[in-house]
Structure formats: structure tokens, C-alpha cells
Amino acid sequence: MTNPNHPCESCSMSIETGRYCVHCTNERGELQPFAERFARMVAWQQRRNPEQSRADAEKATLTWMSTMPAWKAHPEIKARLSGA
């Protein structure tokens, strides 16, 4: 029997239906704006690794988001990773 779950295209959390999990969407089920999702993911990264600096948490988050289908082509990801 196969697992019907698949990863959220924004954060990779396992979900049953749709493209995005409840943590990555607004009340209408739409993907949150980049700035909001980035801030929440950085906060999660800092809770997970409290010894990590804010700059390192942001870099790790950008690197992770650049692998996610929802964000990999987002201009903000490309600009921040290139240092622009």
C-alpha cells in the first residue's frame, strides 16, 4: 500500500491534499507572501537551533527555501542568495 501523503511545496511538511500545508497558507488557503513565510521559517529555524545567529538562520532558511518548488524561482530568493 502506498502512502497518500506528499510534501508541501513550500516547506516539505507531509500533507494529504493540495500543494501547501496549513502553516504555509492564509485563511483562504493561498500561499502566504514571501516575507511572511520567510519570517516564520527563520523563527522556526531559530527555535530549532537557538545557538545559531540570526544571519546564519536566515541563510539556512534561504538555502532551504531555494529547494522548494514554491520558492526556488522566487526573485527574493535569488537576490538574497546572490547578495544583491
Protein backbone atom coordinates (compact mmCIF):
# COMPACT_ATOMS: atom_id res chain seq x y z
CA MET A 1 0.00 0.00 0.00
CA THR A 2 1.37 3.42 -0.92
CA ASN A 3 1.38 6.44 1.35
CA PRO A 4 -1.12 9.02 0.04
CA ASN A 5 0.82 11.88 1.65
CA HIS A 6 3.10 14.18 -0.28
CA PRO A 7 5.27 17.15 0.72
CA CYS A 8 4.08 20.73 0.94
CA GLU A 9 5.65 22.63 -1.95
CA SER A 10 6.61 25.46 0.40
CA CYS A 11 8.13 23.71 3.45
CA SER A 12 8.10 19.94 2.70
CA MET A 13 5.77 19.07 5.58
CA SER A 14 3.81 15.92 4.79
CA ILE A 15 0.25 16.69 3.66
CA GLU A 16 -2.62 14.66 2.26
CA THR A 17 -4.09 17.06 -0.27
CA GLY A 18 -3.29 20.29 -2.03
CA ARG A 19 0.02 21.96 -2.75
CA TYR A 20 0.62 23.70 0.59
CA CYS A 21 0.20 22.86 4.28
CA VAL A 22 -1.88 24.87 6.73
CA HIS A 23 1.27 26.53 8.12
CA CYS A 24 2.20 28.00 4.72
CA THR A 25 -1.23 29.29 3.72
CA ASN A 26 -3.53 32.11 4.74
CA GLU A 27 -7.15 31.75 5.84
CA ARG A 28 -8.23 31.38 2.18
CA GLY A 29 -5.78 28.53 1.57
CA GLU A 30 -3.44 30.70 -0.53
CA LEU A 31 0.31 30.61 -0.13
CA GLN A 32 1.49 33.29 2.30
CA PRO A 33 3.58 36.12 0.83
CA PHE A 34 7.33 35.53 0.73
CA ALA A 35 8.14 37.98 3.55
CA GLU A 36 5.67 36.37 5.95
CA ARG A 37 6.69 32.81 5.12
CA PHE A 38 10.40 33.70 5.32
CA ALA A 39 9.98 35.35 8.74
CA ARG A 40 8.09 32.36 10.11
CA MET A 41 10.60 29.89 8.72
CA VAL A 42 13.51 31.87 10.19
CA ALA A 43 11.74 31.89 13.58
CA TRP A 44 11.28 28.11 13.33
CA GLN A 45 14.96 27.70 12.42
CA GLN A 46 15.98 29.77 15.46
CA ARG A 47 13.75 27.73 17.80
CA ARG A 48 15.26 24.56 16.37
CA ASN A 49 18.86 25.86 16.65
CA PRO A 50 18.91 28.53 19.39
CA GLU A 51 22.71 28.78 19.28
CA GLN A 52 22.60 29.86 15.64
CA SER A 53 22.98 33.56 14.82
CA ARG A 54 20.13 35.38 13.09
CA ALA A 55 22.27 35.77 9.95
CA ASP A 56 23.01 32.04 9.86
CA ALA A 57 19.35 31.20 10.45
CA GLU A 58 18.36 33.46 7.55
CA LYS A 59 20.99 31.92 5.26
CA ALA A 60 19.91 28.37 6.19
CA THR A 61 16.28 29.32 5.57
CA LEU A 62 17.04 30.86 2.19
CA THR A 63 19.07 27.82 1.19
CA TRP A 64 16.21 25.51 2.22
CA MET A 65 13.55 27.63 0.52
CA SER A 66 15.59 27.63 -2.70
CA THR A 67 15.00 23.86 -2.92
CA MET A 68 11.22 24.12 -2.51
CA PRO A 69 9.02 24.25 -5.64
CA ALA A 70 7.02 27.20 -4.30
CA TRP A 71 10.10 29.37 -3.79
CA LYS A 72 13.01 28.17 -5.92
CA ALA A 73 12.32 30.65 -8.73
CA HIS A 74 11.18 33.49 -6.47
CA PRO A 75 13.18 36.67 -7.20
CA GLU A 76 13.68 37.38 -3.49
CA ILE A 77 15.44 34.02 -3.03
CA LYS A 78 17.74 34.61 -5.97
CA ALA A 79 18.54 38.18 -4.93
CA ARG A 80 19.28 37.33 -1.30
CA LEU A 81 21.40 34.28 -2.09
CA SER A 82 23.42 36.22 -4.64
CA GLY A 83 23.99 39.03 -2.15
CA ALA A 84 22.18 41.62 -4.26
